[in-house]
């Protein structure tokens, strides 16, 4: 029996015209803006977050500024309770009231087809 999610999961997709023009900070693949809830976990920490953008190779999350994120420490991101990505945080910056962190996707642990479908949807 499948467990029920306690909240409604949705995503806000934006068109390519909404993307900023110019440099993508050295990324080989630009990230498309996508806003949806997710869960970030690692070594005894489980935190709710919101995606800000994603690409096949990485994504950025908005987190509580109190989250003790450590660079280069492997973590997992859980999307829609169907996708689990093993990620490595590669950068973080503080914004008013939150921490914005970028993650490189190391492996897709669960839901590879769902992840590929999500990425394909935002790349259109």
PDB file of N, CA and C in Angstrom:
ATOM      1  N   UNK A   1       0.845  -1.181   0.000  1.00  0.00           N
ATOM      2  CA  UNK A   1       0.000   0.000   0.000  1.00  0.00           C
ATOM      3  C   UNK A   1       0.887   1.239   0.000  1.00  0.00           C
ATOM      4  N   UNK A   2       0.598   2.187  -0.865  1.00  0.00           N
ATOM      5  CA  UNK A   2       1.403   3.403  -0.969  1.00  0.00           C
ATOM      6  C   UNK A   2       1.060   4.352   0.167  1.00  0.00           C
ATOM      7  N   UNK A   3       2.071   5.016   0.694  1.00  0.00           N
ATOM      8  CA  UNK A   3       1.823   5.992   1.749  1.00  0.00           C
ATOM      9  C   UNK A   3       1.336   7.284   1.121  1.00  0.00           C
ATOM     10  N   UNK A   4       0.528   8.011   1.868  1.00  0.00           N
ATOM     11  CA  UNK A   4      -0.021   9.260   1.357  1.00  0.00           C
ATOM     12  C   UNK A   4       0.859  10.418   1.790  1.00  0.00           C
ATOM     13  N   UNK A   5       1.080  11.327   0.867  1.00  0.00           N
ATOM     14  CA  UNK A   5       1.886  12.513   1.130  1.00  0.00           C
ATOM     15  C   UNK A   5       1.033  13.512   1.923  1.00  0.00           C
ATOM     16  N   UNK A   6       1.545  14.102   3.003  1.00  0.00           N
ATOM     17  CA  UNK A   6       0.741  14.998   3.833  1.00  0.00           C
ATOM     18  C   UNK A   6       0.519  16.374   3.218  1.00  0.00           C
ATOM     19  N   UNK A   7       1.086  16.659   2.047  1.00  0.00           N
ATOM     20  CA  UNK A   7       0.892  17.945   1.418  1.00  0.00           C
ATOM     21  C   UNK A   7       0.774  17.757  -0.083  1.00  0.00           C
ATOM     22  N   UNK A   8       0.211  18.741  -0.743  1.00  0.00           N
ATOM     23  CA  UNK A   8       0.068  18.690  -2.193  1.00  0.00           C
ATOM     24  C   UNK A   8       1.391  19.072  -2.822  1.00  0.00           C
ATOM     25  N   UNK A   9       1.852  18.262  -3.752  1.00  0.00           N
ATOM     26  CA  UNK A   9       3.122  18.527  -4.418  1.00  0.00           C
ATOM     27  C   UNK A   9       2.828  19.155  -5.760  1.00  0.00           C
ATOM     28  N   UNK A  10       3.474  20.259  -6.030  1.00  0.00           N
ATOM     29  CA  UNK A  10       3.311  20.927  -7.312  1.00  0.00           C
ATOM     30  C   UNK A  10       4.624  21.516  -7.741  1.00  0.00           C
ATOM     31  N   UNK A  11       4.676  21.921  -8.972  1.00  0.00           N
ATOM     32  CA  UNK A  11       5.887  22.542  -9.490  1.00  0.00           C
ATOM     33  C   UNK A  11       5.489  23.702 -10.368  1.00  0.00           C
ATOM     34  N   UNK A  12       6.278  24.740 -10.329  1.00  0.00           N
ATOM     35  CA  UNK A  12       6.063  25.885 -11.191  1.00  0.00           C
ATOM     36  C   UNK A  12       7.173  25.889 -12.219  1.00  0.00           C
ATOM     37  N   UNK A  13       6.808  25.710 -13.477  1.00  0.00           N
ATOM     38  CA  UNK A  13       7.784  25.690 -14.558  1.00  0.00           C
ATOM     39  C   UNK A  13       7.755  27.028 -15.275  1.00  0.00           C
ATOM     40  N   UNK A  14       8.910  27.481 -15.710  1.00  0.00           N
ATOM     41  CA  UNK A  14       9.013  28.733 -16.424  1.00  0.00           C
ATOM     42  C   UNK A  14       9.570  28.472 -17.813  1.00  0.00           C
ATOM     43  N   UNK A  15       9.264  29.347 -18.732  1.00  0.00           N
ATOM     44  CA  UNK A  15       9.743  29.156 -20.099  1.00  0.00           C
ATOM     45  C   UNK A  15      11.196  29.613 -20.221  1.00  0.00           C
ATOM     46  N   UNK A  16      11.837  29.200 -21.333  1.00  0.00           N
ATOM     47  CA  UNK A  16      13.229  29.594 -21.544  1.00  0.00           C
ATOM     48  C   UNK A  16      13.383  31.109 -21.630  1.00  0.00           C
ATOM     49  N   UNK A  17      12.334  31.818 -22.045  1.00  0.00           N
ATOM     50  CA  UNK A  17      12.428  33.271 -22.116  1.00  0.00           C
ATOM     51  C   UNK A  17      12.523  33.899 -20.731  1.00  0.00           C
ATOM     52  N   UNK A  18      12.139  33.143 -19.686  1.00  0.00           N
ATOM     53  CA  UNK A  18      12.251  33.625 -18.309  1.00  0.00           C
ATOM     54  C   UNK A  18      13.658  33.479 -17.760  1.00  0.00           C
ATOM     55  N   UNK A  19      14.520  32.710 -18.457  1.00  0.00           N
ATOM     56  CA  UNK A  19      15.878  32.482 -17.984  1.00  0.00           C
ATOM     57  C   UNK A  19      16.717  33.731 -18.151  1.00  0.00           C
ATOM     58  N   UNK A  20      17.650  33.991 -17.233  1.00  0.00           N
ATOM     59  CA  UNK A  20      18.533  35.125 -17.388  1.00  0.00           C
ATOM     60  C   UNK A  20      19.448  34.916 -18.585  1.00  0.00           C
ATOM     61  N   UNK A  21      19.748  35.978 -19.285  1.00  0.00           N
ATOM     62  CA  UNK A  21      20.645  35.900 -20.431  1.00  0.00           C
ATOM     63  C   UNK A  21      22.086  36.074 -19.954  1.00  0.00           C
ATOM     64  N   UNK A  22      23.033  35.555 -20.715  1.00  0.00           N
ATOM     65  CA  UNK A  22      24.439  35.741 -20.363  1.00  0.00           C
ATOM     66  C   UNK A  22      25.034  34.520 -19.716  1.00  0.00           C
ATOM     67  N   UNK A  23      25.988  34.728 -18.841  1.00  0.00           N
ATOM     68  CA  UNK A  23      26.754  33.654 -18.224  1.00  0.00           C
ATOM     69  C   UNK A  23      25.913  32.799 -17.291  1.00  0.00           C
ATOM     70  N   UNK A  24      26.230  31.517 -17.252  1.00  0.00           N
ATOM     71  CA  UNK A  24      25.627  30.610 -16.297  1.00  0.00           C
ATOM     72  C   UNK A  24      26.682  30.150 -15.310  1.00  0.00           C
ATOM     73  N   UNK A  25      27.565  31.055 -14.918  1.00  0.00           N
ATOM     74  CA  UNK A  25      28.594  30.787 -13.913  1.00  0.00           C
ATOM     75  C   UNK A  25      29.437  29.570 -14.259  1.00  0.00           C
ATOM     76  N   UNK A  26      29.762  29.399 -15.530  1.00  0.00           N
ATOM     77  CA  UNK A  26      30.635  28.314 -15.938  1.00  0.00           C
ATOM     78  C   UNK A  26      29.944  26.976 -16.072  1.00  0.00           C
ATOM     79  N   UNK A  27      28.638  26.902 -15.905  1.00  0.00           N
ATOM     80  CA  UNK A  27      27.919  25.639 -16.046  1.00  0.00           C
ATOM     81  C   UNK A  27      27.861  25.243 -17.513  1.00  0.00           C
ATOM     82  N   UNK A  28      28.023  23.957 -17.781  1.00  0.00           N
ATOM     83  CA  UNK A  28      27.892  23.484 -19.157  1.00  0.00           C
ATOM     84  C   UNK A  28      26.425  23.384 -19.551  1.00  0.00           C
ATOM     85  N   UNK A  29      25.541  23.183 -18.585  1.00  0.00           N
ATOM     86  CA  UNK A  29      24.105  23.119 -18.833  1.00  0.00           C
ATOM     87  C   UNK A  29      23.404  24.171 -17.979  1.00  0.00           C
ATOM     88  N   UNK A  30      22.647  25.074 -18.607  1.00  0.00           N
ATOM     89  CA  UNK A  30      21.937  26.076 -17.807  1.00  0.00           C
ATOM     90  C   UNK A  30      20.853  25.414 -16.965  1.00  0.00           C
ATOM     91  N   UNK A  31      20.564  26.017 -15.834  1.00  0.00           N
ATOM     92  CA  UNK A  31      19.501  25.512 -14.959  1.00  0.00           C
ATOM     93  C   UNK A  31      18.225  26.284 -15.243  1.00  0.00           C
ATOM     94  N   UNK A  32      17.115  25.563 -15.299  1.00  0.00           N
ATOM     95  CA  UNK A  32      15.812  26.176 -15.536  1.00  0.00           C
ATOM     96  C   UNK A  32      15.118  26.416 -14.198  1.00  0.00           C
ATOM     97  N   UNK A  33      14.466  27.573 -14.035  1.00  0.00           N
ATOM     98  CA  UNK A  33      13.759  27.845 -12.789  1.00  0.00           C
ATOM     99  C   UNK A  33      12.605  26.864 -12.562  1.00  0.00           C
ATOM    100  N   UNK A  34      12.603  26.185 -11.417  1.00  0.00           N
ATOM    101  CA  UNK A  34      11.533  25.263 -11.023  1.00  0.00           C
ATOM    102  C   UNK A  34      11.360  25.413  -9.520  1.00  0.00           C
ATOM    103  N   UNK A  35      10.136  25.634  -9.083  1.00  0.00           N
ATOM    104  CA  UNK A  35       9.860  25.813  -7.664  1.00  0.00           C
ATOM    105  C   UNK A  35       8.940  24.682  -7.211  1.00  0.00           C
ATOM    106  N   UNK A  36       9.461  23.818  -6.313  1.00  0.00           N
ATOM    107  CA  UNK A  36       8.664  22.726  -5.754  1.00  0.00           C
ATOM    108  C   UNK A  36       9.258  22.314  -4.412  1.00  0.00           C
ATOM    109  N   UNK A  37       8.439  21.768  -3.526  1.00  0.00           N
ATOM    110  CA  UNK A  37       8.968  21.315  -2.242  1.00  0.00           C
ATOM    111  C   UNK A  37       9.803  20.051  -2.413  1.00  0.00           C
ATOM    112  N   UNK A  38      10.778  19.887  -1.529  1.00  0.00           N
ATOM    113  CA  UNK A  38      11.601  18.677  -1.524  1.00  0.00           C
ATOM    114  C   UNK A  38      12.130  18.467  -0.108  1.00  0.00           C
ATOM    115  N   UNK A  39      12.839  17.363   0.061  1.00  0.00           N
ATOM    116  CA  UNK A  39      13.432  17.061   1.362  1.00  0.00           C
ATOM    117  C   UNK A  39      14.913  16.789   1.141  1.00  0.00           C
ATOM    118  N   UNK A  40      15.752  17.387   1.967  1.00  0.00           N
ATOM    119  CA  UNK A  40      17.196  17.213   1.929  1.00  0.00           C
ATOM    120  C   UNK A  40      17.599  16.443   3.180  1.00  0.00           C
ATOM    121  N   UNK A  41      18.413  15.382   3.009  1.00  0.00           N
ATOM    122  CA  UNK A  41      18.822  14.613   4.185  1.00  0.00           C
ATOM    123  C   UNK A  41      20.269  14.156   4.061  1.00  0.00           C
ATOM    124  N   UNK A  42      20.911  14.014   5.219  1.00  0.00           N
ATOM    125  CA  UNK A  42      22.268  13.479   5.340  1.00  0.00           C
ATOM    126  C   UNK A  42      22.551  13.258   6.808  1.00  0.00           C
ATOM    127  N   UNK A  43      23.382  12.335   7.126  1.00  0.00           N
ATOM    128  CA  UNK A  43      23.903  12.030   8.471  1.00  0.00           C
ATOM    129  C   UNK A  43      23.122  12.661   9.623  1.00  0.00           C
ATOM    130  N   UNK A  44      21.912  12.176   9.867  1.00  0.00           N
ATOM    131  CA  UNK A  44      21.141  12.642  11.008  1.00  0.00           C
ATOM    132  C   UNK A  44      20.387  13.941  10.806  1.00  0.00           C
ATOM    133  N   UNK A  45      20.423  14.517   9.620  1.00  0.00           N
ATOM    134  CA  UNK A  45      19.705  15.764   9.345  1.00  0.00           C
ATOM    135  C   UNK A  45      18.652  15.488   8.278  1.00  0.00           C
ATOM    136  N   UNK A  46      17.451  15.983   8.513  1.00  0.00           N
ATOM    137  CA  UNK A  46      16.355  15.854   7.565  1.00  0.00           C
ATOM    138  C   UNK A  46      15.677  17.220   7.526  1.00  0.00           C
ATOM    139  N   UNK A  47      15.724  17.902   6.366  1.00  0.00           N
ATOM    140  CA  UNK A  47      15.221  19.263   6.294  1.00  0.00           C
ATOM    141  C   UNK A  47      14.319  19.452   5.081  1.00  0.00           C
ATOM    142  N   UNK A  48      13.277  20.249   5.248  1.00  0.00           N
ATOM    143  CA  UNK A  48      12.424  20.619   4.133  1.00  0.00           C
ATOM    144  C   UNK A  48      13.087  21.765   3.382  1.00  0.00           C
ATOM    145  N   UNK A  49      12.922  21.767   2.071  1.00  0.00           N
ATOM    146  CA  UNK A  49      13.522  22.807   1.232  1.00  0.00           C
ATOM    147  C   UNK A  49      12.608  23.059   0.043  1.00  0.00           C
ATOM    148  N   UNK A  50      12.959  24.050  -0.744  1.00  0.00           N
ATOM    149  CA  UNK A  50      12.246  24.398  -1.968  1.00  0.00           C
ATOM    150  C   UNK A  50      13.278  24.457  -3.091  1.00  0.00           C
ATOM    151  N   UNK A  51      12.973  23.776  -4.205  1.00  0.00           N
ATOM    152  CA  UNK A  51      13.890  23.903  -5.347  1.00  0.00           C
ATOM    153  C   UNK A  51      13.765  25.304  -5.920  1.00  0.00           C
ATOM    154  N   UNK A  52      14.871  25.801  -6.464  1.00  0.00           N
ATOM    155  CA  UNK A  52      14.874  27.089  -7.154  1.00  0.00           C
ATOM    156  C   UNK A  52      15.083  26.898  -8.642  1.00  0.00           C
ATOM    157  N   UNK A  53      15.951  25.944  -8.989  1.00  0.00           N
ATOM    158  CA  UNK A  53      16.205  25.659 -10.390  1.00  0.00           C
ATOM    159  C   UNK A  53      16.848  24.290 -10.499  1.00  0.00           C
ATOM    160  N   UNK A  54      16.865  23.746 -11.725  1.00  0.00           N
ATOM    161  CA  UNK A  54      17.487  22.439 -11.916  1.00  0.00           C
ATOM    162  C   UNK A  54      17.953  22.266 -13.352  1.00  0.00           C
ATOM    163  N   UNK A  55      18.856  21.312 -13.516  1.00  0.00           N
ATOM    164  CA  UNK A  55      19.348  20.860 -14.813  1.00  0.00           C
ATOM    165  C   UNK A  55      19.660  19.384 -14.641  1.00  0.00           C
ATOM    166  N   UNK A  56      20.012  18.669 -15.718  1.00  0.00           N
ATOM    167  CA  UNK A  56      20.334  17.250 -15.558  1.00  0.00           C
ATOM    168  C   UNK A  56      21.481  16.991 -14.572  1.00  0.00           C
ATOM    169  N   UNK A  57      22.378  17.957 -14.415  1.00  0.00           N
ATOM    170  CA  UNK A  57      23.562  17.729 -13.588  1.00  0.00           C
ATOM    171  C   UNK A  57      23.541  18.396 -12.220  1.00  0.00           C
ATOM    172  N   UNK A  58      22.516  19.193 -11.929  1.00  0.00           N
ATOM    173  CA  UNK A  58      22.507  19.849 -10.628  1.00  0.00           C
ATOM    174  C   UNK A  58      21.228  20.614 -10.364  1.00  0.00           C
ATOM    175  N   UNK A  59      21.112  21.112  -9.136  1.00  0.00           N
ATOM    176  CA  UNK A  59      19.966  21.917  -8.765  1.00  0.00           C
ATOM    177  C   UNK A  59      20.313  22.816  -7.593  1.00  0.00           C
ATOM    178  N   UNK A  60      19.498  23.846  -7.411  1.00  0.00           N
ATOM    179  CA  UNK A  60      19.683  24.773  -6.291  1.00  0.00           C
ATOM    180  C   UNK A  60      18.450  24.699  -5.401  1.00  0.00           C
ATOM    181  N   UNK A  61      18.695  24.791  -4.099  1.00  0.00           N
ATOM    182  CA  UNK A  61      17.621  24.731  -3.106  1.00  0.00           C
ATOM    183  C   UNK A  61      17.647  25.963  -2.225  1.00  0.00           C
ATOM    184  N   UNK A  62      16.491  26.346  -1.748  1.00  0.00           N
ATOM    185  CA  UNK A  62      16.349  27.380  -0.740  1.00  0.00           C
ATOM    186  C   UNK A  62      16.013  26.658   0.567  1.00  0.00           C
ATOM    187  N   UNK A  63      16.835  26.895   1.606  1.00  0.00           N
ATOM    188  CA  UNK A  63      16.723  26.196   2.890  1.00  0.00           C
ATOM    189  C   UNK A  63      16.642  27.199   4.030  1.00  0.00           C
ATOM    190  N   UNK A  64      16.263  26.706   5.180  1.00  0.00           N
ATOM    191  CA  UNK A  64      16.352  27.524   6.386  1.00  0.00           C
ATOM    192  C   UNK A  64      17.817  27.877   6.605  1.00  0.00           C
ATOM    193  N   UNK A  65      18.080  29.101   7.030  1.00  0.00           N
ATOM    194  CA  UNK A  65      19.471  29.506   7.238  1.00  0.00           C
ATOM    195  C   UNK A  65      20.115  28.808   8.435  1.00  0.00           C
ATOM    196  N   UNK A  66      19.324  28.073   9.216  1.00  0.00           N
ATOM    197  CA  UNK A  66      19.883  27.368  10.372  1.00  0.00           C
ATOM    198  C   UNK A  66      20.362  25.952  10.029  1.00  0.00           C
ATOM    199  N   UNK A  67      20.166  25.513   8.796  1.00  0.00           N
ATOM    200  CA  UNK A  67      20.589  24.167   8.395  1.00  0.00           C
ATOM    201  C   UNK A  67      22.120  24.101   8.380  1.00  0.00           C
ATOM    202  N   UNK A  68      22.714  23.108   9.061  1.00  0.00           N
ATOM    203  CA  UNK A  68      24.186  23.013   9.142  1.00  0.00           C
ATOM    204  C   UNK A  68      24.787  22.311   7.911  1.00  0.00           C
ATOM    205  N   UNK A  69      24.701  22.949   6.765  1.00  0.00           N
ATOM    206  CA  UNK A  69      25.175  22.359   5.514  1.00  0.00           C
ATOM    207  C   UNK A  69      26.699  22.394   5.450  1.00  0.00           C
ATOM    208  N   UNK A  70      27.296  21.265   5.059  1.00  0.00           N
ATOM    209  CA  UNK A  70      28.755  21.178   4.918  1.00  0.00           C
ATOM    210  C   UNK A  70      29.093  20.924   3.458  1.00  0.00           C
ATOM    211  N   UNK A  71      29.968  21.734   2.914  1.00  0.00           N
ATOM    212  CA  UNK A  71      30.371  21.573   1.526  1.00  0.00           C
ATOM    213  C   UNK A  71      31.045  20.223   1.309  1.00  0.00           C
ATOM    214  N   UNK A  72      30.794  19.647   0.167  1.00  0.00           N
ATOM    215  CA  UNK A  72      31.405  18.385  -0.288  1.00  0.00           C
ATOM    216  C   UNK A  72      30.934  17.158   0.490  1.00  0.00           C
ATOM    217  N   UNK A  73      29.993  17.301   1.437  1.00  0.00           N
ATOM    218  CA  UNK A  73      29.455  16.151   2.170  1.00  0.00           C
ATOM    219  C   UNK A  73      28.241  15.619   1.416  1.00  0.00           C
ATOM    220  N   UNK A  74      28.258  14.337   1.061  1.00  0.00           N
ATOM    221  CA  UNK A  74      27.161  13.760   0.284  1.00  0.00           C
ATOM    222  C   UNK A  74      25.848  13.848   1.049  1.00  0.00           C
ATOM    223  N   UNK A  75      24.792  14.096   0.287  1.00  0.00           N
ATOM    224  CA  UNK A  75      23.446  14.211   0.852  1.00  0.00           C
ATOM    225  C   UNK A  75      22.467  13.589  -0.137  1.00  0.00           C
ATOM    226  N   UNK A  76      21.204  13.532   0.260  1.00  0.00           N
ATOM    227  CA  UNK A  76      20.154  13.047  -0.620  1.00  0.00           C
ATOM    228  C   UNK A  76      19.076  14.108  -0.724  1.00  0.00           C
ATOM    229  N   UNK A  77      18.551  14.254  -1.939  1.00  0.00           N
ATOM    230  CA  UNK A  77      17.397  15.115  -2.166  1.00  0.00           C
ATOM    231  C   UNK A  77      16.270  14.213  -2.638  1.00  0.00           C
ATOM    232  N   UNK A  78      15.111  14.359  -1.974  1.00  0.00           N
ATOM    233  CA  UNK A  78      13.934  13.555  -2.287  1.00  0.00           C
ATOM    234  C   UNK A  78      12.885  14.477  -2.899  1.00  0.00           C
ATOM    235  N   UNK A  79      12.480  14.186  -4.135  1.00  0.00           N
ATOM    236  CA  UNK A  79      11.485  14.985  -4.851  1.00  0.00           C
ATOM    237  C   UNK A  79      10.236  14.144  -5.100  1.00  0.00           C
ATOM    238  N   UNK A  80       9.077  14.698  -4.826  1.00  0.00           N
ATOM    239  CA  UNK A  80       7.788  14.032  -5.107  1.00  0.00           C
ATOM    240  C   UNK A  80       7.671  12.648  -4.482  1.00  0.00           C
ATOM    241  N   UNK A  81       8.478  12.287  -3.508  1.00  0.00           N
ATOM    242  CA  UNK A  81       8.483  10.950  -2.910  1.00  0.00           C
ATOM    243  C   UNK A  81       8.719   9.844  -3.931  1.00  0.00           C
ATOM    244  N   UNK A  82       9.182  10.210  -5.137  1.00  0.00           N
ATOM    245  CA  UNK A  82       9.452   9.221  -6.177  1.00  0.00           C
ATOM    246  C   UNK A  82      10.882   9.295  -6.687  1.00  0.00           C
ATOM    247  N   UNK A  83      11.536  10.419  -6.474  1.00  0.00           N
ATOM    248  CA  UNK A  83      12.885  10.633  -6.982  1.00  0.00           C
ATOM    249  C   UNK A  83      13.820  10.844  -5.805  1.00  0.00           C
ATOM    250  N   UNK A  84      14.935  10.111  -5.783  1.00  0.00           N
ATOM    251  CA  UNK A  84      15.969  10.317  -4.773  1.00  0.00           C
ATOM    252  C   UNK A  84      17.291  10.505  -5.505  1.00  0.00           C
ATOM    253  N   UNK A  85      17.911  11.651  -5.280  1.00  0.00           N
ATOM    254  CA  UNK A  85      19.189  11.978  -5.890  1.00  0.00           C
ATOM    255  C   UNK A  85      20.270  11.994  -4.829  1.00  0.00           C
ATOM    256  N   UNK A  86      21.417  11.383  -5.112  1.00  0.00           N
ATOM    257  CA  UNK A  86      22.569  11.568  -4.241  1.00  0.00           C
ATOM    258  C   UNK A  86      23.288  12.794  -4.789  1.00  0.00           C
ATOM    259  N   UNK A  87      23.520  13.770  -3.938  1.00  0.00           N
ATOM    260  CA  UNK A  87      24.080  15.053  -4.360  1.00  0.00           C
ATOM    261  C   UNK A  87      25.255  15.450  -3.478  1.00  0.00           C
ATOM    262  N   UNK A  88      26.004  16.407  -3.986  1.00  0.00           N
ATOM    263  CA  UNK A  88      27.108  16.991  -3.231  1.00  0.00           C
ATOM    264  C   UNK A  88      26.931  18.509  -3.276  1.00  0.00           C
ATOM    265  N   UNK A  89      26.857  19.166  -2.116  1.00  0.00           N
ATOM    266  CA  UNK A  89      26.753  20.632  -2.139  1.00  0.00           C
ATOM    267  C   UNK A  89      28.053  21.249  -2.662  1.00  0.00           C
ATOM    268  N   UNK A  90      27.914  22.181  -3.597  1.00  0.00           N
ATOM    269  CA  UNK A  90      29.100  22.797  -4.201  1.00  0.00           C
ATOM    270  C   UNK A  90      29.212  24.291  -3.924  1.00  0.00           C
ATOM    271  N   UNK A  91      28.113  24.920  -3.538  1.00  0.00           N
ATOM    272  CA  UNK A  91      28.198  26.328  -3.132  1.00  0.00           C
ATOM    273  C   UNK A  91      26.993  26.679  -2.274  1.00  0.00           C
ATOM    274  N   UNK A  92      27.130  27.705  -1.477  1.00  0.00           N
ATOM    275  CA  UNK A  92      26.027  28.194  -0.656  1.00  0.00           C
ATOM    276  C   UNK A  92      26.213  29.688  -0.435  1.00  0.00           C
ATOM    277  N   UNK A  93      25.107  30.370  -0.355  1.00  0.00           N
ATOM    278  CA  UNK A  93      25.149  31.806  -0.041  1.00  0.00           C
ATOM    279  C   UNK A  93      23.944  32.137   0.832  1.00  0.00           C
ATOM    280  N   UNK A  94      24.153  33.091   1.712  1.00  0.00           N
ATOM    281  CA  UNK A  94      23.071  33.521   2.600  1.00  0.00           C
ATOM    282  C   UNK A  94      22.305  34.648   1.929  1.00  0.00           C
ATOM    283  N   UNK A  95      20.992  34.536   1.979  1.00  0.00           N
ATOM    284  CA  UNK A  95      20.089  35.596   1.563  1.00  0.00           C
ATOM    285  C   UNK A  95      19.246  35.910   2.791  1.00  0.00           C
ATOM    286  N   UNK A  96      18.557  37.026   2.812  1.00  0.00           N
ATOM    287  CA  UNK A  96      17.773  37.361   4.001  1.00  0.00           C
ATOM    288  C   UNK A  96      16.816  36.234   4.402  1.00  0.00           C
ATOM    289  N   UNK A  97      17.048  35.662   5.582  1.00  0.00           N
ATOM    290  CA  UNK A  97      16.183  34.645   6.149  1.00  0.00           C
ATOM    291  C   UNK A  97      16.324  33.242   5.574  1.00  0.00           C
ATOM    292  N   UNK A  98      17.297  33.015   4.697  1.00  0.00           N
ATOM    293  CA  UNK A  98      17.439  31.681   4.123  1.00  0.00           C
ATOM    294  C   UNK A  98      18.855  31.450   3.600  1.00  0.00           C
ATOM    295  N   UNK A  99      19.112  30.174   3.332  1.00  0.00           N
ATOM    296  CA  UNK A  99      20.365  29.742   2.729  1.00  0.00           C
ATOM    297  C   UNK A  99      20.027  29.194   1.347  1.00  0.00           C
ATOM    298  N   UNK A 100      20.738  29.630   0.326  1.00  0.00           N
ATOM    299  CA  UNK A 100      20.560  29.104  -1.025  1.00  0.00           C
ATOM    300  C   UNK A 100      21.797  28.279  -1.335  1.00  0.00           C
ATOM    301  N   UNK A 101      21.588  27.003  -1.675  1.00  0.00           N
ATOM    302  CA  UNK A 101      22.719  26.104  -1.910  1.00  0.00           C
ATOM    303  C   UNK A 101      22.571  25.412  -3.255  1.00  0.00           C
ATOM    304  N   UNK A 102      23.702  25.254  -3.937  1.00  0.00           N
ATOM    305  CA  UNK A 102      23.744  24.549  -5.206  1.00  0.00           C
ATOM    306  C   UNK A 102      24.321  23.160  -5.000  1.00  0.00           C
ATOM    307  N   UNK A 103      23.754  22.179  -5.671  1.00  0.00           N
ATOM    308  CA  UNK A 103      24.153  20.785  -5.523  1.00  0.00           C
ATOM    309  C   UNK A 103      24.453  20.171  -6.884  1.00  0.00           C
ATOM    310  N   UNK A 104      25.496  19.375  -6.933  1.00  0.00           N
ATOM    311  CA  UNK A 104      25.818  18.591  -8.120  1.00  0.00           C
ATOM    312  C   UNK A 104      25.203  17.209  -7.926  1.00  0.00           C
ATOM    313  N   UNK A 105      24.519  16.699  -8.958  1.00  0.00           N
ATOM    314  CA  UNK A 105      23.934  15.362  -8.879  1.00  0.00           C
ATOM    315  C   UNK A 105      25.049  14.346  -9.094  1.00  0.00           C
ATOM    316  N   UNK A 106      25.272  13.486  -8.089  1.00  0.00           N
ATOM    317  CA  UNK A 106      26.286  12.436  -8.194  1.00  0.00           C
ATOM    318  C   UNK A 106      25.677  11.192  -8.829  1.00  0.00           C
ATOM    319  N   UNK A 107      24.520  10.759  -8.300  1.00  0.00           N
ATOM    320  CA  UNK A 107      23.809   9.598  -8.859  1.00  0.00           C
ATOM    321  C   UNK A 107      22.310   9.773  -8.635  1.00  0.00           C
ATOM    322  N   UNK A 108      21.550   9.082  -9.464  1.00  0.00           N
ATOM    323  CA  UNK A 108      20.101   9.017  -9.285  1.00  0.00           C
ATOM    324  C   UNK A 108      19.839   7.682  -8.604  1.00  0.00           C
ATOM    325  N   UNK A 109      19.494   7.728  -7.331  1.00  0.00           N
ATOM    326  CA  UNK A 109      19.317   6.502  -6.554  1.00  0.00           C
ATOM    327  C   UNK A 109      17.962   5.852  -6.792  1.00  0.00           C
ATOM    328  N   UNK A 110      16.957   6.668  -7.064  1.00  0.00           N
ATOM    329  CA  UNK A 110      15.600   6.159  -7.244  1.00  0.00           C
ATOM    330  C   UNK A 110      14.863   7.098  -8.183  1.00  0.00           C
ATOM    331  N   UNK A 111      14.067   6.522  -9.098  1.00  0.00           N
ATOM    332  CA  UNK A 111      13.229   7.345  -9.962  1.00  0.00           C
ATOM    333  C   UNK A 111      13.961   7.968 -11.136  1.00  0.00           C
ATOM    334  N   UNK A 112      14.862   7.222 -11.758  1.00  0.00           N
ATOM    335  CA  UNK A 112      15.628   7.773 -12.884  1.00  0.00           C
ATOM    336  C   UNK A 112      14.715   8.248 -14.014  1.00  0.00           C
ATOM    337  N   UNK A 113      13.702   7.465 -14.346  1.00  0.00           N
ATOM    338  CA  UNK A 113      12.794   7.868 -15.424  1.00  0.00           C
ATOM    339  C   UNK A 113      12.027   9.133 -15.049  1.00  0.00           C
ATOM    340  N   UNK A 114      11.557   9.219 -13.799  1.00  0.00           N
ATOM    341  CA  UNK A 114      10.831  10.404 -13.338  1.00  0.00           C
ATOM    342  C   UNK A 114      11.728  11.639 -13.360  1.00  0.00           C
ATOM    343  N   UNK A 115      13.003  11.482 -12.950  1.00  0.00           N
ATOM    344  CA  UNK A 115      13.960  12.588 -12.982  1.00  0.00           C
ATOM    345  C   UNK A 115      14.186  13.040 -14.427  1.00  0.00           C
ATOM    346  N   UNK A 116      14.403  12.085 -15.322  1.00  0.00           N
ATOM    347  CA  UNK A 116      14.620  12.430 -16.733  1.00  0.00           C
ATOM    348  C   UNK A 116      13.394  13.112 -17.327  1.00  0.00           C
ATOM    349  N   UNK A 117      12.188  12.649 -16.957  1.00  0.00           N
ATOM    350  CA  UNK A 117      10.958  13.284 -17.436  1.00  0.00           C
ATOM    351  C   UNK A 117      10.841  14.713 -16.910  1.00  0.00           C
ATOM    352  N   UNK A 118      11.164  14.924 -15.638  1.00  0.00           N
ATOM    353  CA  UNK A 118      11.113  16.262 -15.046  1.00  0.00           C
ATOM    354  C   UNK A 118      12.096  17.197 -15.741  1.00  0.00           C
ATOM    355  N   UNK A 119      13.321  16.738 -15.942  1.00  0.00           N
ATOM    356  CA  UNK A 119      14.333  17.566 -16.612  1.00  0.00           C
ATOM    357  C   UNK A 119      13.896  17.884 -18.038  1.00  0.00           C
ATOM    358  N   UNK A 120      13.373  16.896 -18.752  1.00  0.00           N
ATOM    359  CA  UNK A 120      12.922  17.109 -20.130  1.00  0.00           C
ATOM    360  C   UNK A 120      11.797  18.140 -20.171  1.00  0.00           C
ATOM    361  N   UNK A 121      10.891  18.101 -19.183  1.00  0.00           N
ATOM    362  CA  UNK A 121       9.773  19.028 -19.142  1.00  0.00           C
ATOM    363  C   UNK A 121      10.251  20.474 -18.975  1.00  0.00           C
ATOM    364  N   UNK A 122      11.245  20.688 -18.149  1.00  0.00           N
ATOM    365  CA  UNK A 122      11.712  22.056 -17.913  1.00  0.00           C
ATOM    366  C   UNK A 122      12.671  22.550 -19.010  1.00  0.00           C
ATOM    367  N   UNK A 123      13.228  21.623 -19.783  1.00  0.00           N
ATOM    368  CA  UNK A 123      14.135  22.034 -20.859  1.00  0.00           C
ATOM    369  C   UNK A 123      13.375  22.514 -22.094  1.00  0.00           C
ATOM    370  N   UNK A 124      12.083  22.283 -22.158  1.00  0.00           N
ATOM    371  CA  UNK A 124      11.291  22.716 -23.328  1.00  0.00           C
ATOM    372  C   UNK A 124      11.150  24.195 -23.391  1.00  0.00           C
TER     373      UNK A 124
END
